[in-house]
Amino acid sequence: MLQLQTSPTSTKCLSHCHLSVNPEPSLGAPETFVSRFAADQLRKGSDILVEALESEGVTHVFGYPGGAYMEIHEALARSSMIRNVLPRHEQGGIFAEDGYARASGRPGVYLTSPGLGATNIISGIADTNFDSIPIVAITGQVPRGLMGTDAFQEVPLIDITRPITKFNYLVLDVEDIPRIVKEAFLLATSGQPVSKRPVVYAGGGCMNCSEELRWFVGLTGIPVASTLMGLGIFPCTDDLSLHMLGMHGTIQANYAVDRSDLLLAFGVRFDDRVTGTKFNDKVSAWIEEIDEQKEKHPPSYRTFGEAIPPQYAIQLLDELTNGNAIICTGVGQHQMWAAQYYKHKNPRHWLSSSGLGAMGFGLPAAMGAALAKPDAIVVDIDGDGSFMMNIQELATIRVENLPVKIMQLNNQHRGMVYQFQYEYRDVFPDMLMFAEACNITAARVTKKAELREAIEKMLKTPGPYLLDVTVTHQAQVLQLIPDGGTFKDAIKGAQ
């Protein structure tokens, strides 16, 4: 996260701050970058910032302008490479950048003002931190002379976001902007620690890449256990060598692999001298055992006459898109049904707030995905409760003419809450009127027999479309393993 104290975006100009590209650019950055400014040309700090973003290959940013950093938006208007998309709320914008990053694999960039604008993106920052999504968030800050005085819109954002970001910068010197932006993108796109007890398990398949293995171990500091065939590929004299693994291997190698929480297997075949069993002889029986479980417990759900089961709606969507749509969701029952009944085929096609569980994620995430992948079918499968959280982004979708398809599973309940409490009920407004207010084509379907035609029409209609699918509120997310239970305790669907 970058926080810019306002003086770098003032009228101060520099004649010596020239941008150069790191020989190892971050993910998405161009291999070569030619500045649109002469080396000795005077520039504002805002132009230096925008050029630094250009050098990282940024083509879209979401930003909500504010008076304290308006010059950044004016600098964006001078860029022929970067397009700013205006969300209708800061949370919608940060979720849109989240969706953009998930769908594209490139870092998302969000700009906002200090104070309330900055605090409104906290949920989005926490969400990307939970799910390891690369985002660079840039906010303004009050002038240096007012910092620490409880000035208007002064918020200690560095302190607030430090636990939920990989790194924070408070930029006080305009000359630091190019370096800090470069570092921010490298950090955003670099790996995140995932283990405390990693081990490399190296075998004969690494024979021709010994130097690369040694480089990797030197970079990461991860200890190496070798197979019999792998001895010497990593020197046994090295302090990080655990020597040989397996039946006749060293105690330390077998102990480390047994206790590891991440095993990186390079050039090995999991021989029975290592695993303790002949893997190939056992695998067929294991697959047969798993297949038996598949046959005994297929996904199933209850039906209620002509009422539309939400699971059936998702199955139809899967059939009509051949499983190739980018699916975005909010959080709740609809999220779990979309995970269970849509047959996902491709990476970066399932966009859902997994770690934080942020309601209101689906619609803006679909907005970002549609910008990142303009030729893809993007569908927001949403619930009426989650949809309402960021419904204002319908206006952004309409203004940007993004072909986002919204299939709302409307059960007139906070479904997950209802499932666990069986008592909470809430009535929501007519969603079609929200769509109409934003000049978005919309329709409602209430009968199972009419659902296929309704989904087909949604997918074929150019531009954004809202399909309000009235589903039965009795539908539940099953199968369900209770807290503290195992698969043996699973509450199953209809058989």
Foldseek 3Di string as FASTA:
>chain_A
DEEEELQQLDPDWAQAQDFDADCDAFPQFDNHDDDPDDRRDIDGLLLVLVVLCVRNNAQEAEEADDDSRVSNVVSQVVDPRHDYFYFPALCLRLLLQQLLCLQQVAEYEYEYEAAPSLVRNLLSLQLCLQVLGQYDYYYYAYHPVCPPVPPVRHDPVCVVCVVRDPDYYYDDDSSCSSVVSRVSSNVSRDDDDDFDQEEEEEALQCVPPLVVVVVVCVVPVHAYEYDPRGAPSDDCPDPSYQYHAFDPGDPSNPVSVVPTPHYHYYGDDCPCRHVVDHCVVCVVVVVVVVVVVCVVAPADADDDPFFDALLVLLLLVLVVQVQFAQEFEAAAQQLLSNVRRRDHDDRSSDHYSDRSRHQLSQPSSLVSSCVNPVVGAYEYEYEPVSCVVRVSRLLSQLVVQRAYEYEYAYAQARQRVCVVPVPDGHGDDDVVVSCVVSVAAEDEDGTPVCSNVQSVCSRPDGTYYYYYYHHHSVIDDDQDADVPGDPVRTDHHDD
